[in-house]
Amino acid sequence: MRPLDEQEIRNSFVNCSKGEAKRLAVPRDLGERPWDDLDFLGWRDPGAPDRCYVVAEREGRPAGVALRFPSAQRGFLHRSMCSVCLTTHHGGGVSLMTARKAGAAGREGNSVGVYMCTDLACSLYVRGRKVPESGLRIEESLTTDEQIARMTGNLSAFLDNLGV
C-alpha cells in the first residue's frame, strides 16, 4: 500500500459523515507504519474502545470505512479464525466487525459484518511479520503471494458488500 497522509485518510471515508471523518482519531505514527507490508491500513480508536477503521485501495483511490466491534471479549480457551486473512487467535483475537453500508442503505441503518483480527494486522500475519498470541498460523500450501491475494480478495468482497 502506498503511504497516506491524514487528510487523504479523512477524505477517504465512505460510510460516515464528513463531520464524523473529521473527528475520528487518525494514527499519529503514519510515518512509522510498514507501508510496504500493508495491504490496507487498519487501526483501533484509542478514545472509543468499540470503534476501528480500515482504509484500502479501491480502483486506485483510498476508501475508508468506520467499523464497530464489541468491547467485551471471549475467554482465552476459545479459538477463532479471521475471515479476511485466515489467522487463528485465542480469545478476543478475532472480533465481529460491523460497518454501516455506504450511501442511502447505510443511512437507513443497514450494516454488514465480518470476523476480523481485532488488531487489524492481517497483512502482517500473512507475511509472517507478526505472530498471533497463539504462537502460530495454520501451515498452508499456498505461497505468501497467493495468501495475500486471497486476503485482499476477502477484504474486497466485504467492501463490495458495504457498497464501497
Protein backbone atom coordinates (compact mmCIF):
# COMPACT_ATOMS: atom_id res chain seq x y z
CA MET A 1 0.00 0.00 0.00
CA ARG A 2 1.25 3.49 -0.70
CA PRO A 3 1.73 5.79 2.30
CA LEU A 4 -1.24 8.01 3.11
CA ASP A 5 -1.37 11.28 4.99
CA GLU A 6 -4.00 12.36 7.49
CA GLN A 7 -6.05 14.40 5.00
CA GLU A 8 -6.17 11.57 2.45
CA ILE A 9 -7.36 9.23 5.19
CA ARG A 10 -10.08 11.60 6.42
CA ASN A 11 -11.28 12.26 2.85
CA SER A 12 -11.46 8.52 2.09
CA PHE A 13 -14.35 7.57 4.41
CA VAL A 14 -17.49 6.43 2.61
CA ASN A 15 -19.76 5.21 5.41
CA CYS A 16 -19.73 8.18 7.78
CA SER A 17 -20.40 11.90 7.51
CA LYS A 18 -17.67 14.41 6.75
CA GLY A 19 -18.02 15.67 10.32
CA GLU A 20 -17.51 12.17 11.73
CA ALA A 21 -14.49 11.67 9.47
CA LYS A 22 -13.06 15.00 10.64
CA ARG A 23 -13.40 13.99 14.32
CA LEU A 24 -12.11 10.41 14.16
CA ALA A 25 -8.72 9.60 15.64
CA VAL A 26 -6.16 9.11 12.86
CA PRO A 27 -2.97 7.29 13.92
CA ARG A 28 -0.15 9.64 14.85
CA ASP A 29 2.51 7.19 13.69
CA LEU A 30 1.71 7.23 9.96
CA GLY A 31 5.36 7.89 9.10
CA GLU A 32 6.41 4.78 11.04
CA ARG A 33 3.89 2.34 9.55
CA PRO A 34 5.35 -0.55 7.49
CA TRP A 35 3.56 0.63 4.32
CA ASP A 36 5.36 -1.86 2.05
CA ASP A 37 3.94 -4.71 4.13
CA LEU A 38 0.37 -3.34 4.34
CA ASP A 39 -2.46 -4.20 2.00
CA PHE A 40 -4.75 -1.92 3.99
CA LEU A 41 -4.39 0.49 6.87
CA GLY A 42 -6.30 -0.60 9.95
CA TRP A 43 -6.38 0.88 13.44
CA ARG A 44 -8.42 0.98 16.61
CA ASP A 45 -9.66 4.25 18.06
CA PRO A 46 -7.89 4.77 21.41
CA GLY A 47 -10.67 7.09 22.61
CA ALA A 48 -13.55 4.79 21.66
CA PRO A 49 -12.88 1.13 22.57
CA ASP A 50 -15.65 -0.15 20.30
CA ARG A 51 -14.50 1.61 17.10
CA CYS A 52 -11.90 0.90 14.48
CA TYR A 53 -11.17 1.94 10.93
CA VAL A 54 -9.93 0.37 7.70
CA VAL A 55 -8.63 2.21 4.64
CA ALA A 56 -7.95 0.16 1.50
CA GLU A 57 -7.15 0.99 -2.10
CA ARG A 58 -10.20 0.71 -4.35
CA GLU A 59 -9.79 1.48 -8.04
CA GLY A 60 -6.55 3.33 -7.33
CA ARG A 61 -8.00 5.52 -4.57
CA PRO A 62 -8.18 5.09 -0.79
CA ALA A 63 -11.59 4.06 0.56
CA GLY A 64 -12.12 4.16 4.31
CA VAL A 65 -14.79 2.50 6.43
CA ALA A 66 -15.66 3.02 10.07
CA LEU A 67 -16.36 -0.21 11.96
CA ARG A 68 -17.69 -1.16 15.36
CA PHE A 69 -16.95 -4.24 17.41
CA PRO A 70 -17.97 -5.49 20.85
CA SER A 71 -15.77 -4.29 23.68
CA ALA A 72 -16.41 -7.48 25.69
CA GLN A 73 -14.05 -10.23 24.60
CA ARG A 74 -14.35 -14.00 24.87
CA GLY A 75 -12.31 -16.19 27.19
CA PHE A 76 -8.89 -17.45 26.15
CA LEU A 77 -9.98 -21.08 25.74
CA HIS A 78 -11.89 -20.26 22.58
CA ARG A 79 -10.12 -20.15 19.19
CA SER A 80 -11.46 -18.08 16.31
CA MET A 81 -10.37 -17.55 12.73
CA CYS A 82 -10.24 -14.22 10.90
CA SER A 83 -12.31 -14.47 7.73
CA VAL A 84 -10.03 -11.98 5.95
CA CYS A 85 -6.53 -13.46 6.48
CA LEU A 86 -7.49 -16.86 7.98
CA THR A 87 -5.26 -16.40 11.03
CA THR A 88 -6.48 -18.19 14.16
CA HIS A 89 -6.41 -16.49 17.54
CA HIS A 90 -7.24 -17.37 21.13
CA GLY A 91 -9.96 -15.49 22.98
CA GLY A 92 -10.55 -11.95 21.77
CA GLY A 93 -8.05 -12.02 18.89
CA VAL A 94 -10.92 -12.11 16.38
CA SER A 95 -13.97 -9.85 16.61
CA LEU A 96 -17.13 -9.37 14.63
CA MET A 97 -16.58 -6.00 12.95
CA THR A 98 -19.73 -4.33 11.68
CA ALA A 99 -19.97 -1.34 9.39
CA ARG A 100 -22.80 0.79 8.09
CA LYS A 101 -23.29 0.39 4.39
CA ALA A 102 -22.29 3.29 2.17
CA GLY A 103 -24.92 5.68 0.84
CA ALA A 104 -28.67 5.52 1.34
CA ALA A 105 -28.60 1.94 2.62
CA GLY A 106 -26.31 2.97 5.48
CA ARG A 107 -28.46 5.99 6.31
CA GLU A 108 -31.38 3.58 6.62
CA GLY A 109 -29.41 1.58 9.21
CA ASN A 110 -28.22 -1.33 7.06
CA SER A 111 -24.88 -2.83 8.00
CA VAL A 112 -22.57 -5.71 7.13
CA GLY A 113 -20.24 -7.66 9.39
CA VAL A 114 -17.02 -9.63 9.06
CA TYR A 115 -14.96 -11.63 11.56
CA MET A 116 -11.55 -9.98 11.53
CA CYS A 117 -8.32 -9.84 13.56
CA THR A 118 -9.10 -7.48 16.43
CA ASP A 119 -5.75 -5.71 15.97
CA LEU A 120 -6.36 -5.35 12.20
CA ALA A 121 -2.85 -6.67 11.46
CA CYS A 122 -3.93 -9.19 8.80
CA SER A 123 -1.27 -8.07 6.31
CA LEU A 124 1.48 -8.59 8.88
CA TYR A 125 0.21 -12.05 9.91
CA VAL A 126 0.08 -13.26 6.31
CA ARG A 127 3.63 -12.06 5.67
CA GLY A 128 4.95 -13.56 8.93
CA ARG A 129 5.91 -10.09 10.24
CA LYS A 130 3.67 -10.57 13.26
CA VAL A 131 2.84 -13.75 15.15
CA PRO A 132 -0.56 -14.30 16.78
CA GLU A 133 -0.64 -14.78 20.55
CA SER A 134 -1.26 -18.46 19.94
CA GLY A 135 2.26 -18.52 18.52
CA LEU A 136 1.46 -19.96 15.12
CA ARG A 137 -0.57 -19.72 11.95
CA ILE A 138 -2.01 -22.75 10.25
CA GLU A 139 0.55 -24.02 7.75
CA GLU A 140 -0.72 -23.69 4.21
CA SER A 141 0.39 -24.96 0.82
CA LEU A 142 -0.31 -21.55 -0.75
CA THR A 143 2.62 -19.21 -1.34
CA THR A 144 2.73 -15.93 0.56
CA ASP A 145 1.71 -14.09 -2.61
CA GLU A 146 -1.30 -16.40 -3.03
CA GLN A 147 -2.28 -15.85 0.61
CA ILE A 148 -2.00 -12.08 0.11
CA ALA A 149 -4.21 -12.31 -2.99
CA ARG A 150 -6.78 -14.35 -1.04
CA MET A 151 -6.72 -11.89 1.86
CA THR A 152 -7.16 -8.85 -0.37
CA GLY A 153 -9.95 -10.67 -2.21
CA ASN A 154 -11.72 -11.41 1.08
CA LEU A 155 -11.42 -7.78 2.19
CA SER A 156 -12.57 -6.62 -1.23
CA ALA A 157 -15.67 -8.83 -1.00
CA PHE A 158 -16.51 -7.30 2.38
CA LEU A 159 -16.08 -3.78 0.97
CA ASP A 160 -18.24 -4.74 -2.05
CA ASN A 161 -20.99 -5.83 0.38
CA LEU A 162 -20.74 -2.40 2.02
CA GLY A 163 -21.27 -0.71 -1.34
CA VAL A 164 -17.76 0.77 -1.37
